[in-house]
N, C-alpha and C. Protein backbone atom coordinates (compact mmCIF):
# COMPACT_ATOMS: atom_id res chain seq x y z
N MET A 1 -2.38 -22.55 3.27
CA MET A 1 -1.87 -21.99 4.51
C MET A 1 -2.81 -22.35 5.65
N PRO A 2 -2.27 -22.77 6.79
CA PRO A 2 -3.14 -23.12 7.92
C PRO A 2 -3.85 -21.89 8.46
N HIS A 3 -4.98 -22.12 9.10
CA HIS A 3 -5.69 -21.02 9.75
C HIS A 3 -4.94 -20.68 11.03
N PRO A 4 -4.35 -19.51 11.13
CA PRO A 4 -3.47 -19.21 12.27
C PRO A 4 -4.19 -19.31 13.60
N GLY A 5 -3.47 -19.84 14.60
CA GLY A 5 -4.06 -20.05 15.92
C GLY A 5 -3.83 -18.92 16.90
N THR A 6 -3.16 -17.83 16.47
CA THR A 6 -2.92 -16.69 17.35
C THR A 6 -3.32 -15.40 16.63
N HIS A 7 -3.51 -14.34 17.42
CA HIS A 7 -3.81 -13.05 16.82
C HIS A 7 -2.63 -12.56 15.98
N GLN A 8 -1.41 -12.82 16.46
CA GLN A 8 -0.22 -12.41 15.71
C GLN A 8 -0.14 -13.16 14.39
N GLY A 9 -0.43 -14.46 14.42
CA GLY A 9 -0.39 -15.26 13.20
C GLY A 9 -1.43 -14.83 12.19
N ARG A 10 -2.58 -14.39 12.67
CA ARG A 10 -3.62 -13.92 11.75
C ARG A 10 -3.18 -12.65 11.03
N SER A 11 -2.50 -11.76 11.76
CA SER A 11 -2.00 -10.55 11.12
C SER A 11 -0.96 -10.88 10.05
N ILE A 12 -0.08 -11.84 10.37
CA ILE A 12 0.94 -12.26 9.41
C ILE A 12 0.28 -12.90 8.19
N SER A 13 -0.72 -13.73 8.42
CA SER A 13 -1.41 -14.40 7.33
C SER A 13 -2.10 -13.39 6.42
N HIS A 14 -2.73 -12.38 7.00
CA HIS A 14 -3.40 -11.36 6.19
C HIS A 14 -2.39 -10.59 5.34
N LEU A 15 -1.20 -10.36 5.89
CA LEU A 15 -0.16 -9.67 5.12
C LEU A 15 0.29 -10.53 3.95
N TYR A 16 0.48 -11.83 4.18
CA TYR A 16 0.85 -12.73 3.09
C TYR A 16 -0.21 -12.71 1.99
N GLN A 17 -1.47 -12.77 2.39
CA GLN A 17 -2.56 -12.79 1.41
C GLN A 17 -2.60 -11.49 0.61
N LEU A 18 -2.39 -10.36 1.29
CA LEU A 18 -2.38 -9.09 0.58
C LEU A 18 -1.27 -9.05 -0.47
N MET A 19 -0.07 -9.50 -0.09
CA MET A 19 1.03 -9.53 -1.06
C MET A 19 0.72 -10.45 -2.23
N TRP A 20 0.09 -11.57 -1.93
CA TRP A 20 -0.26 -12.52 -2.99
C TRP A 20 -1.29 -11.91 -3.95
N TYR A 21 -2.30 -11.25 -3.40
CA TYR A 21 -3.34 -10.65 -4.24
C TYR A 21 -2.78 -9.51 -5.08
N MET A 22 -1.78 -8.80 -4.56
CA MET A 22 -1.17 -7.73 -5.34
C MET A 22 -0.22 -8.30 -6.40
N ALA A 23 0.37 -9.45 -6.12
CA ALA A 23 1.31 -10.04 -7.07
C ALA A 23 0.60 -10.67 -8.27
N ILE A 24 -0.60 -11.19 -8.06
CA ILE A 24 -1.32 -11.86 -9.14
C ILE A 24 -1.57 -10.94 -10.33
N PRO A 25 -2.18 -9.76 -10.16
CA PRO A 25 -2.40 -8.90 -11.34
C PRO A 25 -1.10 -8.40 -11.96
N VAL A 26 -0.09 -8.13 -11.12
CA VAL A 26 1.20 -7.70 -11.67
C VAL A 26 1.78 -8.78 -12.57
N GLY A 27 1.79 -10.01 -12.08
CA GLY A 27 2.31 -11.12 -12.89
C GLY A 27 1.50 -11.34 -14.15
N ALA A 28 0.16 -11.23 -14.03
CA ALA A 28 -0.70 -11.43 -15.19
C ALA A 28 -0.44 -10.37 -16.26
N ILE A 29 -0.30 -9.12 -15.84
CA ILE A 29 -0.04 -8.03 -16.79
C ILE A 29 1.30 -8.23 -17.49
N VAL A 30 2.33 -8.56 -16.71
CA VAL A 30 3.67 -8.74 -17.28
C VAL A 30 3.67 -9.88 -18.30
N TYR A 31 3.08 -11.03 -17.95
CA TYR A 31 3.10 -12.16 -18.87
C TYR A 31 2.25 -11.89 -20.11
N CYS A 32 1.14 -11.17 -19.94
CA CYS A 32 0.31 -10.83 -21.11
C CYS A 32 1.06 -9.89 -22.05
N LEU A 33 1.79 -8.92 -21.48
CA LEU A 33 2.56 -8.01 -22.33
C LEU A 33 3.69 -8.75 -23.05
N ILE A 34 4.33 -9.68 -22.35
CA ILE A 34 5.39 -10.47 -23.01
C ILE A 34 4.81 -11.29 -24.15
N LEU A 35 3.68 -11.97 -23.88
CA LEU A 35 3.06 -12.81 -24.91
C LEU A 35 2.59 -11.95 -26.08
N TRP A 36 2.00 -10.79 -25.78
CA TRP A 36 1.54 -9.90 -26.84
C TRP A 36 2.71 -9.41 -27.70
N SER A 37 3.82 -9.07 -27.07
CA SER A 37 4.99 -8.60 -27.81
C SER A 37 5.57 -9.70 -28.69
N ILE A 38 5.59 -10.93 -28.16
CA ILE A 38 6.13 -12.04 -28.96
C ILE A 38 5.28 -12.28 -30.21
N ILE A 39 3.96 -12.23 -30.04
CA ILE A 39 3.06 -12.51 -31.18
C ILE A 39 2.99 -11.31 -32.13
N ARG A 40 2.83 -10.12 -31.55
CA ARG A 40 2.61 -8.93 -32.38
C ARG A 40 3.87 -8.54 -33.15
N TYR A 41 5.02 -8.69 -32.56
CA TYR A 41 6.25 -8.22 -33.19
C TYR A 41 7.19 -9.37 -33.56
N ARG A 42 6.63 -10.52 -33.82
CA ARG A 42 7.45 -11.65 -34.24
C ARG A 42 8.06 -11.36 -35.62
N ARG A 43 9.15 -12.01 -35.90
CA ARG A 43 9.82 -11.79 -37.18
C ARG A 43 8.96 -12.32 -38.32
N GLY A 44 8.77 -11.48 -39.34
CA GLY A 44 7.97 -11.88 -40.49
C GLY A 44 8.84 -12.43 -41.62
N LYS A 45 8.27 -12.44 -42.80
CA LYS A 45 9.00 -12.96 -43.95
C LYS A 45 10.16 -12.05 -44.32
N ASP A 46 10.00 -10.76 -44.08
CA ASP A 46 11.07 -9.81 -44.39
C ASP A 46 11.90 -9.58 -43.13
N PRO A 47 13.13 -10.14 -43.05
CA PRO A 47 13.93 -10.03 -41.83
C PRO A 47 14.36 -8.61 -41.51
N ASP A 48 14.32 -7.72 -42.53
CA ASP A 48 14.75 -6.34 -42.31
C ASP A 48 13.60 -5.43 -41.88
N ARG A 49 12.40 -5.95 -41.88
CA ARG A 49 11.25 -5.12 -41.50
C ARG A 49 11.25 -4.87 -39.99
N MET A 50 11.14 -3.63 -39.62
CA MET A 50 11.12 -3.23 -38.21
C MET A 50 9.80 -2.54 -37.90
N PRO A 51 9.25 -2.78 -36.71
CA PRO A 51 8.03 -2.06 -36.34
C PRO A 51 8.33 -0.58 -36.14
N LYS A 52 7.29 0.21 -36.09
CA LYS A 52 7.45 1.64 -35.88
C LYS A 52 8.14 1.91 -34.55
N GLN A 53 9.15 2.78 -34.56
CA GLN A 53 9.96 3.04 -33.37
C GLN A 53 9.48 4.31 -32.65
N PHE A 54 9.51 4.22 -31.32
CA PHE A 54 9.17 5.36 -30.48
C PHE A 54 10.32 5.60 -29.50
N ARG A 55 10.70 6.86 -29.33
CA ARG A 55 11.81 7.17 -28.43
C ARG A 55 11.35 7.26 -26.98
N TYR A 56 10.12 7.73 -26.80
CA TYR A 56 9.60 7.82 -25.44
C TYR A 56 8.08 8.01 -25.51
N HIS A 57 7.43 7.74 -24.35
CA HIS A 57 5.99 7.95 -24.24
C HIS A 57 5.74 8.36 -22.79
N ILE A 58 5.69 9.67 -22.56
CA ILE A 58 5.65 10.21 -21.20
C ILE A 58 4.50 9.65 -20.36
N PRO A 59 3.26 9.63 -20.84
CA PRO A 59 2.16 9.12 -19.98
C PRO A 59 2.38 7.68 -19.53
N ILE A 60 2.81 6.81 -20.45
CA ILE A 60 3.03 5.42 -20.09
C ILE A 60 4.18 5.29 -19.10
N GLU A 61 5.26 6.05 -19.34
CA GLU A 61 6.41 5.98 -18.44
C GLU A 61 6.04 6.45 -17.03
N ILE A 62 5.23 7.49 -16.95
CA ILE A 62 4.77 7.95 -15.63
C ILE A 62 3.90 6.89 -14.96
N LEU A 63 3.06 6.26 -15.75
CA LEU A 63 2.14 5.24 -15.22
C LEU A 63 2.90 4.05 -14.66
N TYR A 64 3.84 3.49 -15.47
CA TYR A 64 4.52 2.28 -14.99
C TYR A 64 5.60 2.59 -13.95
N THR A 65 5.84 3.85 -13.69
CA THR A 65 6.72 4.23 -12.58
C THR A 65 5.92 4.52 -11.32
N ALA A 66 4.79 5.21 -11.48
CA ALA A 66 3.99 5.62 -10.33
C ALA A 66 3.29 4.43 -9.66
N ILE A 67 2.77 3.50 -10.47
CA ILE A 67 2.03 2.37 -9.90
C ILE A 67 2.91 1.49 -9.01
N PRO A 68 4.10 1.05 -9.47
CA PRO A 68 4.95 0.24 -8.57
C PRO A 68 5.37 0.99 -7.31
N ILE A 69 5.65 2.30 -7.43
CA ILE A 69 6.03 3.07 -6.24
C ILE A 69 4.88 3.10 -5.24
N ALA A 70 3.66 3.31 -5.75
CA ALA A 70 2.49 3.34 -4.88
C ALA A 70 2.28 1.99 -4.20
N MET A 71 2.49 0.89 -4.94
CA MET A 71 2.32 -0.45 -4.36
C MET A 71 3.37 -0.71 -3.29
N VAL A 72 4.61 -0.33 -3.56
CA VAL A 72 5.67 -0.55 -2.58
C VAL A 72 5.41 0.27 -1.31
N LEU A 73 4.98 1.52 -1.48
CA LEU A 73 4.68 2.36 -0.31
C LEU A 73 3.53 1.77 0.50
N ALA A 74 2.50 1.27 -0.19
CA ALA A 74 1.37 0.67 0.51
C ALA A 74 1.81 -0.57 1.28
N LEU A 75 2.60 -1.42 0.65
CA LEU A 75 3.09 -2.62 1.32
C LEU A 75 3.99 -2.27 2.50
N PHE A 76 4.79 -1.22 2.35
CA PHE A 76 5.66 -0.79 3.44
C PHE A 76 4.83 -0.38 4.66
N VAL A 77 3.78 0.40 4.43
CA VAL A 77 2.94 0.85 5.54
C VAL A 77 2.24 -0.32 6.21
N VAL A 78 1.67 -1.21 5.41
CA VAL A 78 0.96 -2.37 5.97
C VAL A 78 1.93 -3.28 6.72
N THR A 79 3.10 -3.53 6.14
CA THR A 79 4.09 -4.40 6.79
C THR A 79 4.56 -3.79 8.11
N TYR A 80 4.79 -2.49 8.12
CA TYR A 80 5.21 -1.82 9.36
C TYR A 80 4.16 -1.99 10.45
N ASN A 81 2.89 -1.81 10.10
CA ASN A 81 1.82 -1.95 11.09
C ASN A 81 1.71 -3.38 11.61
N VAL A 82 1.89 -4.36 10.71
CA VAL A 82 1.82 -5.76 11.12
C VAL A 82 3.00 -6.10 12.04
N GLU A 83 4.20 -5.67 11.67
CA GLU A 83 5.36 -5.94 12.52
C GLU A 83 5.21 -5.28 13.89
N LYS A 84 4.67 -4.09 13.90
CA LYS A 84 4.45 -3.40 15.16
C LYS A 84 3.48 -4.18 16.05
N LYS A 85 2.43 -4.72 15.44
CA LYS A 85 1.46 -5.50 16.20
C LYS A 85 2.06 -6.82 16.68
N VAL A 86 2.81 -7.49 15.81
CA VAL A 86 3.39 -8.78 16.17
C VAL A 86 4.46 -8.62 17.26
N ASP A 87 5.20 -7.52 17.24
CA ASP A 87 6.28 -7.31 18.19
C ASP A 87 5.84 -6.64 19.49
N THR A 88 4.56 -6.31 19.61
CA THR A 88 4.07 -5.69 20.84
C THR A 88 4.12 -6.69 22.00
N ILE A 89 4.63 -6.24 23.14
CA ILE A 89 4.73 -7.09 24.33
C ILE A 89 4.06 -6.37 25.50
N SER A 90 3.20 -7.07 26.19
CA SER A 90 2.52 -6.49 27.35
C SER A 90 3.52 -6.16 28.45
N VAL A 91 3.27 -5.05 29.14
CA VAL A 91 4.19 -4.62 30.20
C VAL A 91 4.15 -5.59 31.36
N ASP A 92 2.97 -6.02 31.77
CA ASP A 92 2.83 -6.95 32.90
C ASP A 92 1.94 -8.11 32.47
N PRO A 93 2.47 -9.04 31.67
CA PRO A 93 1.64 -10.14 31.14
C PRO A 93 1.22 -11.10 32.24
N PRO A 94 0.04 -11.68 32.12
CA PRO A 94 -0.41 -12.65 33.13
C PRO A 94 0.38 -13.95 33.10
N VAL A 95 1.02 -14.24 31.95
CA VAL A 95 1.79 -15.49 31.83
C VAL A 95 3.16 -15.16 31.25
N PHE A 96 4.19 -15.68 31.92
CA PHE A 96 5.57 -15.50 31.43
C PHE A 96 6.26 -16.86 31.48
N VAL A 97 6.86 -17.24 30.36
CA VAL A 97 7.56 -18.53 30.25
C VAL A 97 8.94 -18.29 29.65
N ARG A 98 9.93 -18.96 30.22
CA ARG A 98 11.28 -18.93 29.65
C ARG A 98 11.51 -20.24 28.91
N VAL A 99 11.79 -20.12 27.62
CA VAL A 99 12.02 -21.29 26.75
C VAL A 99 13.50 -21.36 26.42
N THR A 100 14.11 -22.49 26.75
CA THR A 100 15.54 -22.69 26.50
C THR A 100 15.73 -23.80 25.48
N ALA A 101 16.44 -23.48 24.41
CA ALA A 101 16.74 -24.48 23.37
C ALA A 101 18.15 -25.00 23.58
N PHE A 102 18.31 -26.30 23.47
CA PHE A 102 19.63 -26.91 23.61
C PHE A 102 19.69 -28.15 22.73
N GLN A 103 20.88 -28.60 22.44
CA GLN A 103 21.01 -29.82 21.63
C GLN A 103 20.64 -31.05 22.48
N TRP A 104 19.54 -31.75 22.15
CA TRP A 104 18.62 -31.48 21.06
C TRP A 104 17.20 -31.56 21.60
N GLN A 105 16.88 -30.62 22.48
CA GLN A 105 15.53 -30.59 23.04
C GLN A 105 15.22 -29.21 23.60
N TRP A 106 14.13 -29.13 24.37
CA TRP A 106 13.64 -27.87 24.90
C TRP A 106 13.41 -27.95 26.40
N ARG A 107 13.54 -26.79 27.05
CA ARG A 107 13.22 -26.66 28.47
C ARG A 107 12.26 -25.49 28.62
N PHE A 108 11.14 -25.74 29.30
CA PHE A 108 10.14 -24.70 29.54
C PHE A 108 10.09 -24.40 31.04
N ASP A 109 10.38 -23.17 31.40
CA ASP A 109 10.38 -22.76 32.81
C ASP A 109 9.31 -21.71 33.05
N TYR A 110 8.54 -21.93 34.11
CA TYR A 110 7.56 -20.95 34.58
C TYR A 110 8.11 -20.37 35.88
N PRO A 111 8.92 -19.32 35.82
CA PRO A 111 9.62 -18.83 37.02
C PRO A 111 8.69 -18.34 38.12
N ARG A 112 7.52 -17.85 37.76
CA ARG A 112 6.60 -17.35 38.79
C ARG A 112 6.01 -18.47 39.63
N ASP A 113 5.98 -19.68 39.07
CA ASP A 113 5.38 -20.80 39.78
C ASP A 113 6.36 -21.94 40.03
N ASP A 114 7.64 -21.70 39.73
CA ASP A 114 8.69 -22.68 39.98
C ASP A 114 8.37 -24.03 39.33
N ILE A 115 8.00 -23.97 38.05
CA ILE A 115 7.70 -25.18 37.28
C ILE A 115 8.70 -25.29 36.14
N SER A 116 9.26 -26.48 35.94
CA SER A 116 10.19 -26.73 34.84
C SER A 116 9.77 -27.98 34.10
N ILE A 117 9.76 -27.90 32.78
CA ILE A 117 9.44 -29.04 31.93
C ILE A 117 10.61 -29.21 30.96
N ILE A 118 11.26 -30.37 31.03
CA ILE A 118 12.46 -30.61 30.24
C ILE A 118 12.22 -31.77 29.29
N GLY A 119 12.46 -31.56 28.03
CA GLY A 119 12.30 -32.61 27.04
C GLY A 119 13.51 -33.53 26.99
N THR A 120 13.29 -34.73 26.53
CA THR A 120 14.36 -35.70 26.35
C THR A 120 14.24 -36.28 24.94
N PRO A 121 15.28 -36.98 24.47
CA PRO A 121 15.19 -37.57 23.13
C PRO A 121 14.01 -38.51 22.95
N ASP A 122 13.57 -39.14 24.06
CA ASP A 122 12.47 -40.09 23.98
C ASP A 122 11.12 -39.48 24.36
N HIS A 123 11.13 -38.24 24.83
CA HIS A 123 9.88 -37.64 25.29
C HIS A 123 9.88 -36.16 24.96
N GLN A 124 9.00 -35.74 24.05
CA GLN A 124 8.93 -34.33 23.71
C GLN A 124 8.15 -33.57 24.78
N PRO A 125 8.59 -32.37 25.14
CA PRO A 125 7.91 -31.62 26.19
C PRO A 125 6.64 -30.95 25.66
N THR A 126 5.75 -30.63 26.58
CA THR A 126 4.52 -29.93 26.24
C THR A 126 4.46 -28.62 27.01
N LEU A 127 4.31 -27.54 26.27
CA LEU A 127 4.20 -26.21 26.85
C LEU A 127 2.71 -25.90 27.04
N VAL A 128 2.29 -25.81 28.29
CA VAL A 128 0.88 -25.55 28.60
C VAL A 128 0.68 -24.05 28.75
N LEU A 129 -0.28 -23.52 27.99
CA LEU A 129 -0.54 -22.08 27.98
C LEU A 129 -2.05 -21.83 27.98
N PRO A 130 -2.47 -20.69 28.50
CA PRO A 130 -3.90 -20.36 28.46
C PRO A 130 -4.30 -19.71 27.14
N ALA A 131 -5.44 -20.08 26.64
CA ALA A 131 -5.98 -19.43 25.44
C ALA A 131 -6.72 -18.17 25.86
N GLY A 132 -6.62 -17.14 25.02
CA GLY A 132 -7.34 -15.92 25.30
C GLY A 132 -6.63 -14.95 26.22
N GLU A 133 -5.40 -15.25 26.63
CA GLU A 133 -4.63 -14.36 27.49
C GLU A 133 -3.25 -14.12 26.88
N PRO A 134 -2.67 -12.93 27.08
CA PRO A 134 -1.33 -12.67 26.55
C PRO A 134 -0.29 -13.55 27.23
N VAL A 135 0.57 -14.14 26.43
CA VAL A 135 1.66 -14.97 26.94
C VAL A 135 2.97 -14.41 26.41
N VAL A 136 3.87 -14.05 27.30
CA VAL A 136 5.18 -13.55 26.91
C VAL A 136 6.20 -14.66 27.08
N ILE A 137 6.98 -14.89 26.04
CA ILE A 137 7.99 -15.95 26.05
C ILE A 137 9.36 -15.32 25.86
N ARG A 138 10.29 -15.71 26.71
CA ARG A 138 11.69 -15.29 26.58
C ARG A 138 12.47 -16.49 26.05
N LEU A 139 13.00 -16.35 24.86
CA LEU A 139 13.63 -17.46 24.15
C LEU A 139 15.15 -17.32 24.18
N ILE A 140 15.82 -18.38 24.63
CA ILE A 140 17.28 -18.37 24.69
C ILE A 140 17.82 -19.70 24.17
N ALA A 141 19.10 -19.71 23.81
CA ALA A 141 19.80 -20.93 23.38
C ALA A 141 21.10 -21.02 24.17
N VAL A 142 21.48 -22.23 24.51
CA VAL A 142 22.67 -22.40 25.34
C VAL A 142 23.88 -22.92 24.57
N ASP A 143 23.70 -23.32 23.31
CA ASP A 143 24.84 -23.90 22.59
C ASP A 143 24.97 -23.35 21.17
N VAL A 144 24.04 -23.72 20.30
CA VAL A 144 24.10 -23.29 18.89
C VAL A 144 22.78 -22.61 18.52
N ASP A 145 22.68 -22.16 17.28
CA ASP A 145 21.44 -21.52 16.81
C ASP A 145 20.32 -22.54 16.70
N HIS A 146 19.16 -22.17 17.21
CA HIS A 146 17.94 -22.96 17.07
C HIS A 146 16.83 -22.03 16.58
N ALA A 147 15.63 -22.58 16.38
CA ALA A 147 14.50 -21.75 15.99
C ALA A 147 13.22 -22.34 16.59
N PHE A 148 12.43 -21.49 17.20
CA PHE A 148 11.16 -21.85 17.83
C PHE A 148 10.06 -21.64 16.80
N TYR A 149 9.52 -22.74 16.29
CA TYR A 149 8.59 -22.67 15.15
C TYR A 149 7.33 -23.45 15.44
N ILE A 150 6.16 -22.77 15.27
CA ILE A 150 4.87 -23.43 15.39
C ILE A 150 4.11 -23.20 14.08
N PRO A 151 4.02 -24.21 13.21
CA PRO A 151 3.38 -24.02 11.91
C PRO A 151 1.97 -23.47 11.99
N ASP A 152 1.17 -23.96 12.94
CA ASP A 152 -0.22 -23.51 13.04
C ASP A 152 -0.35 -22.07 13.53
N PHE A 153 0.73 -21.51 14.05
CA PHE A 153 0.72 -20.10 14.46
C PHE A 153 1.30 -19.20 13.37
N VAL A 154 1.82 -19.80 12.29
CA VAL A 154 2.51 -19.05 11.23
C VAL A 154 3.58 -18.16 11.89
N PHE A 155 4.35 -18.77 12.78
CA PHE A 155 5.26 -17.97 13.60
C PHE A 155 6.56 -18.72 13.85
N LYS A 156 7.68 -18.00 13.69
CA LYS A 156 9.00 -18.57 13.97
C LYS A 156 9.90 -17.47 14.53
N ARG A 157 10.66 -17.82 15.56
CA ARG A 157 11.66 -16.90 16.11
C ARG A 157 12.95 -17.68 16.36
N ASP A 158 14.07 -17.04 16.05
CA ASP A 158 15.37 -17.68 16.24
C ASP A 158 15.79 -17.62 17.71
N ALA A 159 16.45 -18.69 18.14
CA ALA A 159 17.06 -18.75 19.46
C ALA A 159 18.57 -18.71 19.25
N LEU A 160 19.21 -17.61 19.65
CA LEU A 160 20.62 -17.39 19.40
C LEU A 160 21.39 -17.33 20.71
N PRO A 161 22.48 -18.04 20.84
CA PRO A 161 23.28 -17.99 22.07
C PRO A 161 23.75 -16.56 22.36
N GLY A 162 23.49 -16.12 23.58
CA GLY A 162 23.93 -14.79 23.98
C GLY A 162 23.01 -13.66 23.57
N PHE A 163 21.93 -13.97 22.83
CA PHE A 163 21.01 -12.92 22.37
C PHE A 163 19.57 -13.37 22.65
N PRO A 164 19.07 -13.14 23.86
CA PRO A 164 17.70 -13.54 24.19
C PRO A 164 16.68 -12.85 23.27
N ASN A 165 15.65 -13.59 22.92
CA ASN A 165 14.59 -13.10 22.06
C ASN A 165 13.28 -13.16 22.82
N GLN A 166 12.52 -12.10 22.81
CA GLN A 166 11.28 -12.06 23.58
C GLN A 166 10.12 -11.70 22.67
N PHE A 167 9.00 -12.39 22.85
CA PHE A 167 7.84 -12.15 22.01
C PHE A 167 6.58 -12.53 22.78
N GLN A 168 5.45 -12.19 22.19
CA GLN A 168 4.15 -12.45 22.83
C GLN A 168 3.26 -13.25 21.90
N LEU A 169 2.51 -14.18 22.49
CA LEU A 169 1.53 -14.96 21.76
C LEU A 169 0.17 -14.79 22.41
N ASN A 170 -0.85 -14.59 21.59
CA ASN A 170 -2.23 -14.54 22.05
C ASN A 170 -2.99 -15.66 21.34
N ILE A 171 -3.06 -16.81 21.98
CA ILE A 171 -3.68 -17.98 21.37
C ILE A 171 -5.20 -17.80 21.36
N VAL A 172 -5.82 -18.08 20.23
CA VAL A 172 -7.25 -17.81 20.06
C VAL A 172 -8.10 -18.90 20.70
N HIS A 173 -7.83 -20.17 20.34
CA HIS A 173 -8.68 -21.26 20.79
C HIS A 173 -7.85 -22.34 21.50
N PRO A 174 -8.46 -23.04 22.47
CA PRO A 174 -7.77 -24.20 23.08
C PRO A 174 -7.50 -25.27 22.03
N GLY A 175 -6.45 -26.03 22.27
CA GLY A 175 -6.09 -27.10 21.35
C GLY A 175 -4.63 -27.47 21.54
N VAL A 176 -4.20 -28.45 20.77
CA VAL A 176 -2.80 -28.91 20.81
C VAL A 176 -2.15 -28.54 19.49
N TYR A 177 -1.00 -27.87 19.57
CA TYR A 177 -0.31 -27.38 18.40
C TYR A 177 1.11 -27.93 18.36
N ARG A 178 1.52 -28.41 17.20
CA ARG A 178 2.85 -29.00 17.04
C ARG A 178 3.89 -27.91 16.87
N GLY A 179 5.05 -28.12 17.51
CA GLY A 179 6.17 -27.19 17.37
C GLY A 179 7.45 -27.94 17.07
N GLU A 180 8.43 -27.23 16.54
CA GLU A 180 9.68 -27.87 16.18
C GLU A 180 10.80 -26.84 16.09
N CYS A 181 12.01 -27.32 16.03
CA CYS A 181 13.15 -26.46 15.73
C CYS A 181 13.27 -26.37 14.22
N ALA A 182 13.32 -25.14 13.70
CA ALA A 182 13.36 -24.94 12.25
C ALA A 182 14.73 -24.44 11.79
N GLU A 183 15.75 -24.65 12.61
CA GLU A 183 17.11 -24.26 12.24
C GLU A 183 18.01 -25.48 12.43
N PHE A 184 18.66 -25.93 11.35
CA PHE A 184 19.49 -27.13 11.48
C PHE A 184 20.57 -26.90 12.54
N CYS A 185 20.52 -27.72 13.59
CA CYS A 185 21.36 -27.47 14.76
C CYS A 185 22.25 -28.65 15.13
N GLY A 186 22.38 -29.62 14.24
CA GLY A 186 23.27 -30.73 14.54
C GLY A 186 22.65 -32.06 14.20
N LEU A 187 23.31 -33.11 14.66
CA LEU A 187 22.98 -34.47 14.28
C LEU A 187 21.53 -34.85 14.56
N ASN A 188 21.01 -34.53 15.76
CA ASN A 188 19.66 -34.94 16.14
C ASN A 188 18.66 -33.80 16.06
N HIS A 189 18.88 -32.93 15.10
CA HIS A 189 17.98 -31.79 14.91
C HIS A 189 16.52 -32.23 14.76
N ALA A 190 16.29 -33.33 14.07
CA ALA A 190 14.93 -33.79 13.80
C ALA A 190 14.19 -34.21 15.07
N ASP A 191 14.92 -34.41 16.18
CA ASP A 191 14.28 -34.82 17.43
C ASP A 191 13.81 -33.63 18.26
N MET A 192 14.09 -32.40 17.81
CA MET A 192 13.72 -31.22 18.60
C MET A 192 12.28 -30.82 18.33
N ASN A 193 11.38 -31.67 18.76
CA ASN A 193 9.95 -31.40 18.62
C ASN A 193 9.33 -31.11 19.98
N PHE A 194 8.25 -30.39 19.96
CA PHE A 194 7.52 -30.12 21.20
C PHE A 194 6.06 -29.88 20.85
N ALA A 195 5.26 -29.68 21.86
CA ALA A 195 3.84 -29.41 21.65
C ALA A 195 3.41 -28.25 22.54
N ILE A 196 2.46 -27.49 22.07
CA ILE A 196 1.82 -26.45 22.87
C ILE A 196 0.38 -26.88 23.12
N ARG A 197 0.02 -27.00 24.38
CA ARG A 197 -1.36 -27.35 24.73
C ARG A 197 -2.03 -26.12 25.31
N ALA A 198 -2.93 -25.55 24.54
CA ALA A 198 -3.66 -24.37 24.97
C ALA A 198 -4.95 -24.79 25.65
N VAL A 199 -5.17 -24.28 26.84
CA VAL A 199 -6.35 -24.64 27.63
C VAL A 199 -7.07 -23.34 28.04
N SER A 200 -8.22 -23.50 28.63
CA SER A 200 -8.95 -22.33 29.12
C SER A 200 -8.21 -21.73 30.31
N PRO A 201 -8.41 -20.45 30.61
CA PRO A 201 -7.73 -19.85 31.77
C PRO A 201 -7.98 -20.58 33.08
N SER A 202 -9.19 -21.08 33.29
CA SER A 202 -9.47 -21.81 34.53
C SER A 202 -8.70 -23.13 34.58
N GLU A 203 -8.64 -23.84 33.44
CA GLU A 203 -7.86 -25.08 33.39
C GLU A 203 -6.38 -24.79 33.60
N TYR A 204 -5.93 -23.68 33.07
CA TYR A 204 -4.51 -23.32 33.24
C TYR A 204 -4.19 -23.07 34.70
N ARG A 205 -5.04 -22.36 35.40
CA ARG A 205 -4.80 -22.11 36.82
C ARG A 205 -4.81 -23.41 37.61
N THR A 206 -5.70 -24.32 37.23
CA THR A 206 -5.72 -25.63 37.90
C THR A 206 -4.43 -26.39 37.64
N TRP A 207 -3.96 -26.34 36.41
CA TRP A 207 -2.70 -27.01 36.07
C TRP A 207 -1.53 -26.42 36.85
N LEU A 208 -1.49 -25.11 36.99
CA LEU A 208 -0.43 -24.47 37.76
C LEU A 208 -0.45 -24.94 39.21
N ALA A 209 -1.64 -24.99 39.79
CA ALA A 209 -1.76 -25.41 41.19
C ALA A 209 -1.29 -26.86 41.38
N GLN A 210 -1.56 -27.69 40.40
CA GLN A 210 -1.19 -29.11 40.51
C GLN A 210 0.31 -29.34 40.30
N HIS A 211 0.98 -28.47 39.54
CA HIS A 211 2.39 -28.69 39.19
C HIS A 211 3.33 -27.68 39.81
N ARG A 212 2.83 -26.78 40.63
CA ARG A 212 3.67 -25.74 41.21
C ARG A 212 4.82 -26.36 42.01
N GLY A 213 6.04 -25.88 41.74
CA GLY A 213 7.23 -26.38 42.44
C GLY A 213 7.75 -27.70 41.93
N SER A 214 7.28 -28.13 40.73
CA SER A 214 7.70 -29.44 40.20
C SER A 214 8.63 -29.27 39.02
N SER A 215 9.35 -30.32 38.73
CA SER A 215 10.24 -30.37 37.56
C SER A 215 10.05 -31.72 36.90
N THR A 216 9.70 -31.69 35.60
CA THR A 216 9.45 -32.94 34.89
C THR A 216 10.24 -32.98 33.59
């Protein structure tokens, strides 16, 4: 798994790891019990021989019922807290971008600074964002279902016609991150690629000043 590039992605990654660490001992115990039962109670020379039968065992039944319930409750609480953190949106974010998905490219609009970046089949667009500051993105689609996916952020959100989706990203470090549409949306779906270039807040302000009122 990639090292997540956002605070939200790190929370998601930690949740995945927790589920994985809890699944390993459960799987190991189940497979060991299956293997033990196969070897211990395999058919012997006497086909009519049966092992000693038990109708019930209260302590064991309580144990194998209580442990899974406790694990599920723990995962529910942790998952709820992670979802709450990932879905949190700042009331007045310093950066707001409207992302529009269409067949078969992306449009990035910065309404506060009158900047538009439109991708073409021959040129993938680059979404410039500041690292270390909250960024709120409003995601929409104008034709069919798309998906805004950044592998290095461990993050994906669907873009559905008529149902705007809004979320926040807190990018940790400057860098260039690859993005793509992760929902099959037609013939040229594979061309729906883009990039996110995270820069320092000062570089971001300089970029805004240089491109304010432009459309590319």
